Amino acid sequence: MMAQAASIIDELRRRKLAVATAESCTGGMLAAALTDVPGSSDVFGWGLVTYSNEAKAQLLGVSRDTLAEFGAVSLQTAREMASGLLRVSGADIALATTGIAGPGGGSAEKPVGLVYIACGGEDDLQVKRCLFSGGRDAVRRQTVAEALFMLERILEDR
C-alpha cells in the first residue's frame, strides 16, 4: 500500500491537486496511508474522522434526514460526506468511507463488511458499494486499499 500511496501523492503533486479524507469505519487509516508518504503535506491538508452521525452532520453537513432515512452506512451518506468535505476543505478530490467493520453491528440488510466509498471532485464524484469479508481489521484494510484504487482511477480519468 505504501508504494501505491506514494505513486498517488506524486501524481497529485504533479497535477497540483489537493486531496482530503472523511472517514467513519476506517477511523483515520486512509489518512494515515496517505500521510505515511514523505512530502504528503504538499497535497494533503485535511483528514476528518466522523465516526458518529453527529460528527457527520456537524462537520460535513450530512443531512439529518439522509441519516434518518438511509442510515450512516449508505450511498447517500457517503456522497454527502464527500461533498461536504470538498466544501469545507477546499480540496480538489475527496475520499469518504462509511461502513460496518464488525464484528457486530450488521444486519440482514446491512451485513458486516458492507462499505460505501466516495471519491472524486464536484464533477466526477463516484460512490462504490463494497462487501468485504474477514474480521474488523481485514474489512478496514480492504476499504483503504479500495479507496486508494478508486483515487488512482479518478486521477487516470481526469
C-alpha atoms as a PDB file:
ATOM      1  CA  MET A   1       0.000   0.000   0.000  1.00  0.00           C
ATOM      2  CA  MET A   2       2.916   2.355   0.670  1.00  0.00           C
ATOM      3  CA  ALA A   3       4.087   2.223  -2.955  1.00  0.00           C
ATOM      4  CA  GLN A   4       0.534   2.831  -4.167  1.00  0.00           C
ATOM      5  CA  ALA A   5       0.103   5.802  -1.820  1.00  0.00           C
ATOM      6  CA  ALA A   6       3.496   7.220  -2.844  1.00  0.00           C
ATOM      7  CA  SER A   7       2.533   6.994  -6.516  1.00  0.00           C
ATOM      8  CA  ILE A   8      -0.762   8.764  -5.783  1.00  0.00           C
ATOM      9  CA  ILE A   9       0.970  11.535  -3.819  1.00  0.00           C
ATOM     10  CA  ASP A  10       3.446  12.038  -6.673  1.00  0.00           C
ATOM     11  CA  GLU A  11       0.629  12.268  -9.221  1.00  0.00           C
ATOM     12  CA  LEU A  12      -1.351  14.709  -7.080  1.00  0.00           C
ATOM     13  CA  ARG A  13       1.767  16.834  -6.641  1.00  0.00           C
ATOM     14  CA  ARG A  14       2.492  16.754 -10.391  1.00  0.00           C
ATOM     15  CA  ARG A  15      -1.059  17.926 -11.149  1.00  0.00           C
ATOM     16  CA  LYS A  16      -1.146  20.420  -8.271  1.00  0.00           C
ATOM     17  CA  LEU A  17      -4.265  18.797  -6.795  1.00  0.00           C
ATOM     18  CA  ALA A  18      -5.211  18.501  -3.142  1.00  0.00           C
ATOM     19  CA  VAL A  19      -6.957  15.506  -1.563  1.00  0.00           C
ATOM     20  CA  ALA A  20      -8.823  15.257   1.740  1.00  0.00           C
ATOM     21  CA  THR A  21     -10.388  12.364   3.643  1.00  0.00           C
ATOM     22  CA  ALA A  22     -13.558  11.914   5.691  1.00  0.00           C
ATOM     23  CA  GLU A  23     -13.595   8.561   7.430  1.00  0.00           C
ATOM     24  CA  SER A  24     -16.018   6.621   9.518  1.00  0.00           C
ATOM     25  CA  CYS A  25     -15.317   2.870   9.529  1.00  0.00           C
ATOM     26  CA  THR A  26     -11.627   3.306   8.697  1.00  0.00           C
ATOM     27  CA  GLY A  27     -11.082   5.654  11.627  1.00  0.00           C
ATOM     28  CA  GLY A  28      -8.129   7.520  10.136  1.00  0.00           C
ATOM     29  CA  MET A  29      -6.406   4.597   8.411  1.00  0.00           C
ATOM     30  CA  LEU A  30      -6.887   6.153   4.976  1.00  0.00           C
ATOM     31  CA  ALA A  31      -5.361   9.452   6.070  1.00  0.00           C
ATOM     32  CA  ALA A  32      -2.519   7.508   7.677  1.00  0.00           C
ATOM     33  CA  ALA A  33      -1.849   5.610   4.436  1.00  0.00           C
ATOM     34  CA  LEU A  34      -1.502   8.905   2.582  1.00  0.00           C
ATOM     35  CA  THR A  35       0.456  10.763   5.262  1.00  0.00           C
ATOM     36  CA  ASP A  36       2.912   7.876   5.681  1.00  0.00           C
ATOM     37  CA  VAL A  37       4.400   9.191   2.430  1.00  0.00           C
ATOM     38  CA  PRO A  38       7.100  11.827   2.984  1.00  0.00           C
ATOM     39  CA  GLY A  39       6.050  15.147   1.480  1.00  0.00           C
ATOM     40  CA  SER A  40       2.351  14.300   1.501  1.00  0.00           C
ATOM     41  CA  SER A  41       1.646  17.638   3.159  1.00  0.00           C
ATOM     42  CA  ASP A  42       2.101  19.196  -0.299  1.00  0.00           C
ATOM     43  CA  VAL A  43      -1.224  17.663  -1.371  1.00  0.00           C
ATOM     44  CA  PHE A  44      -2.977  16.505   1.810  1.00  0.00           C
ATOM     45  CA  GLY A  45      -4.287  19.020   4.316  1.00  0.00           C
ATOM     46  CA  TRP A  46      -7.479  17.588   5.775  1.00  0.00           C
ATOM     47  CA  GLY A  47      -8.353  14.272   7.356  1.00  0.00           C
ATOM     48  CA  LEU A  48     -11.557  14.066   9.376  1.00  0.00           C
ATOM     49  CA  VAL A  49     -12.745  11.076  11.370  1.00  0.00           C
ATOM     50  CA  THR A  50     -16.508  11.462  11.525  1.00  0.00           C
ATOM     51  CA  TYR A  51     -17.409   8.265  13.312  1.00  0.00           C
ATOM     52  CA  SER A  52     -20.701   9.419  14.797  1.00  0.00           C
ATOM     53  CA  ASN A  53     -23.771  10.661  12.976  1.00  0.00           C
ATOM     54  CA  GLU A  54     -23.427  13.908  14.900  1.00  0.00           C
ATOM     55  CA  ALA A  55     -19.907  14.423  13.555  1.00  0.00           C
ATOM     56  CA  LYS A  56     -21.067  13.651  10.011  1.00  0.00           C
ATOM     57  CA  ALA A  57     -23.829  16.248  10.352  1.00  0.00           C
ATOM     58  CA  GLN A  58     -21.853  18.963  12.167  1.00  0.00           C
ATOM     59  CA  LEU A  59     -18.507  18.749  10.389  1.00  0.00           C
ATOM     60  CA  LEU A  60     -19.526  17.630   6.907  1.00  0.00           C
ATOM     61  CA  GLY A  61     -23.111  18.863   6.635  1.00  0.00           C
ATOM     62  CA  VAL A  62     -24.589  15.416   6.071  1.00  0.00           C
ATOM     63  CA  SER A  63     -28.333  15.899   6.221  1.00  0.00           C
ATOM     64  CA  ARG A  64     -30.023  14.543   9.330  1.00  0.00           C
ATOM     65  CA  ASP A  65     -32.868  13.498   7.023  1.00  0.00           C
ATOM     66  CA  THR A  66     -30.419  11.428   4.976  1.00  0.00           C
ATOM     67  CA  LEU A  67     -29.053   9.800   8.119  1.00  0.00           C
ATOM     68  CA  ALA A  68     -32.569   9.057   9.388  1.00  0.00           C
ATOM     69  CA  GLU A  69     -33.889   7.701   6.097  1.00  0.00           C
ATOM     70  CA  PHE A  70     -30.875   5.829   4.722  1.00  0.00           C
ATOM     71  CA  GLY A  71     -28.566   5.445   7.728  1.00  0.00           C
ATOM     72  CA  ALA A  72     -24.895   6.206   8.205  1.00  0.00           C
ATOM     73  CA  VAL A  73     -23.924   3.254   6.026  1.00  0.00           C
ATOM     74  CA  SER A  74     -25.438   4.219   2.698  1.00  0.00           C
ATOM     75  CA  LEU A  75     -24.576   5.516  -0.724  1.00  0.00           C
ATOM     76  CA  GLN A  76     -26.384   8.760   0.092  1.00  0.00           C
ATOM     77  CA  THR A  77     -24.390   9.367   3.271  1.00  0.00           C
ATOM     78  CA  ALA A  78     -21.066   8.569   1.585  1.00  0.00           C
ATOM     79  CA  ARG A  79     -21.904  11.018  -1.210  1.00  0.00           C
ATOM     80  CA  GLU A  80     -22.869  13.761   1.248  1.00  0.00           C
ATOM     81  CA  MET A  81     -19.732  13.109   3.311  1.00  0.00           C
ATOM     82  CA  ALA A  82     -17.543  13.627   0.245  1.00  0.00           C
ATOM     83  CA  SER A  83     -19.489  16.665  -0.976  1.00  0.00           C
ATOM     84  CA  GLY A  84     -19.329  18.245   2.458  1.00  0.00           C
ATOM     85  CA  LEU A  85     -15.621  17.537   2.700  1.00  0.00           C
ATOM     86  CA  LEU A  86     -14.986  19.230  -0.642  1.00  0.00           C
ATOM     87  CA  ARG A  87     -16.915  22.249   0.610  1.00  0.00           C
ATOM     88  CA  VAL A  88     -15.198  22.618   3.996  1.00  0.00           C
ATOM     89  CA  SER A  89     -11.665  21.626   2.978  1.00  0.00           C
ATOM     90  CA  GLY A  90     -11.333  23.283  -0.401  1.00  0.00           C
ATOM     91  CA  ALA A  91      -9.658  20.107  -1.670  1.00  0.00           C
ATOM     92  CA  ASP A  92      -9.911  19.103  -5.315  1.00  0.00           C
ATOM     93  CA  ILE A  93     -10.632  15.462  -4.508  1.00  0.00           C
ATOM     94  CA  ALA A  94     -12.437  13.944  -1.541  1.00  0.00           C
ATOM     95  CA  LEU A  95     -12.300  10.379  -0.254  1.00  0.00           C
ATOM     96  CA  ALA A  96     -15.010   9.296   2.177  1.00  0.00           C
ATOM     97  CA  THR A  97     -15.604   5.931   3.823  1.00  0.00           C
ATOM     98  CA  THR A  98     -18.575   4.660   5.796  1.00  0.00           C
ATOM     99  CA  GLY A  99     -19.371   1.076   6.634  1.00  0.00           C
ATOM    100  CA  ILE A 100     -19.755  -1.757   9.113  1.00  0.00           C
ATOM    101  CA  ALA A 101     -16.360  -3.182  10.023  1.00  0.00           C
ATOM    102  CA  GLY A 102     -17.707  -5.578  12.654  1.00  0.00           C
ATOM    103  CA  PRO A 103     -17.612  -7.827  14.411  1.00  0.00           C
ATOM    104  CA  GLY A 104     -21.056  -6.609  15.474  1.00  0.00           C
ATOM    105  CA  GLY A 105     -23.439  -4.010  14.130  1.00  0.00           C
ATOM    106  CA  GLY A 106     -24.525  -5.806  10.989  1.00  0.00           C
ATOM    107  CA  SER A 107     -27.989  -6.875   9.909  1.00  0.00           C
ATOM    108  CA  ALA A 108     -29.517  -8.875   7.075  1.00  0.00           C
ATOM    109  CA  GLU A 109     -29.974  -5.651   5.100  1.00  0.00           C
ATOM    110  CA  LYS A 110     -26.573  -4.198   6.026  1.00  0.00           C
ATOM    111  CA  PRO A 111     -24.159  -7.009   6.871  1.00  0.00           C
ATOM    112  CA  VAL A 112     -20.742  -6.724   8.457  1.00  0.00           C
ATOM    113  CA  GLY A 113     -18.323  -5.845   5.682  1.00  0.00           C
ATOM    114  CA  LEU A 114     -20.719  -3.504   3.857  1.00  0.00           C
ATOM    115  CA  VAL A 115     -18.838  -0.317   2.987  1.00  0.00           C
ATOM    116  CA  TYR A 116     -19.532   2.690   0.790  1.00  0.00           C
ATOM    117  CA  ILE A 117     -16.589   4.653  -0.565  1.00  0.00           C
ATOM    118  CA  ALA A 118     -16.996   8.028  -2.237  1.00  0.00           C
ATOM    119  CA  CYS A 119     -14.181   9.501  -4.289  1.00  0.00           C
ATOM    120  CA  GLY A 120     -13.813  12.451  -6.595  1.00  0.00           C
ATOM    121  CA  GLY A 121     -14.454  16.125  -7.035  1.00  0.00           C
ATOM    122  CA  GLU A 122     -17.589  18.122  -7.689  1.00  0.00           C
ATOM    123  CA  ASP A 123     -17.804  16.968 -11.311  1.00  0.00           C
ATOM    124  CA  ASP A 124     -16.646  13.361 -11.057  1.00  0.00           C
ATOM    125  CA  LEU A 125     -17.752  12.138  -7.635  1.00  0.00           C
ATOM    126  CA  GLN A 126     -18.323   8.380  -7.613  1.00  0.00           C
ATOM    127  CA  VAL A 127     -19.672   6.141  -4.877  1.00  0.00           C
ATOM    128  CA  LYS A 128     -18.951   2.441  -4.747  1.00  0.00           C
ATOM    129  CA  ARG A 129     -20.749  -0.198  -2.698  1.00  0.00           C
ATOM    130  CA  CYS A 130     -18.390  -2.888  -1.425  1.00  0.00           C
ATOM    131  CA  LEU A 131     -18.937  -6.056   0.563  1.00  0.00           C
ATOM    132  CA  PHE A 132     -15.684  -7.130   2.166  1.00  0.00           C
ATOM    133  CA  SER A 133     -15.022 -10.315   4.086  1.00  0.00           C
ATOM    134  CA  GLY A 134     -12.968 -11.145   7.146  1.00  0.00           C
ATOM    135  CA  GLY A 135     -12.669  -9.596  10.562  1.00  0.00           C
ATOM    136  CA  ARG A 136     -12.687  -5.939  11.546  1.00  0.00           C
ATOM    137  CA  ASP A 137      -9.068  -5.299  10.619  1.00  0.00           C
ATOM    138  CA  ALA A 138      -9.454  -7.050   7.256  1.00  0.00           C
ATOM    139  CA  VAL A 139     -12.558  -5.026   6.375  1.00  0.00           C
ATOM    140  CA  ARG A 140     -10.836  -1.780   7.276  1.00  0.00           C
ATOM    141  CA  ARG A 141      -7.666  -2.629   5.334  1.00  0.00           C
ATOM    142  CA  GLN A 142      -9.660  -3.692   2.266  1.00  0.00           C
ATOM    143  CA  THR A 143     -11.581  -0.417   2.462  1.00  0.00           C
ATOM    144  CA  VAL A 144      -8.364   1.615   2.454  1.00  0.00           C
ATOM    145  CA  ALA A 145      -6.979  -0.405  -0.466  1.00  0.00           C
ATOM    146  CA  GLU A 146     -10.163   0.056  -2.499  1.00  0.00           C
ATOM    147  CA  ALA A 147     -10.315   3.788  -1.697  1.00  0.00           C
ATOM    148  CA  LEU A 148      -6.737   4.241  -2.929  1.00  0.00           C
ATOM    149  CA  PHE A 149      -7.571   2.246  -6.056  1.00  0.00           C
ATOM    150  CA  MET A 150     -10.603   4.490  -6.687  1.00  0.00           C
ATOM    151  CA  LEU A 151      -8.405   7.570  -6.267  1.00  0.00           C
ATOM    152  CA  GLU A 152      -5.952   6.181  -8.839  1.00  0.00           C
ATOM    153  CA  ARG A 153      -8.802   5.660 -11.305  1.00  0.00           C
ATOM    154  CA  ILE A 154     -10.156   9.171 -10.746  1.00  0.00           C
ATOM    155  CA  LEU A 155      -6.703  10.573 -11.493  1.00  0.00           C
ATOM    156  CA  GLU A 156      -6.393   8.423 -14.631  1.00  0.00           C
ATOM    157  CA  ASP A 157      -9.780   9.645 -15.890  1.00  0.00           C
ATOM    158  CA  ARG A 158      -9.022  13.337 -15.403  1.00  0.00           C
END
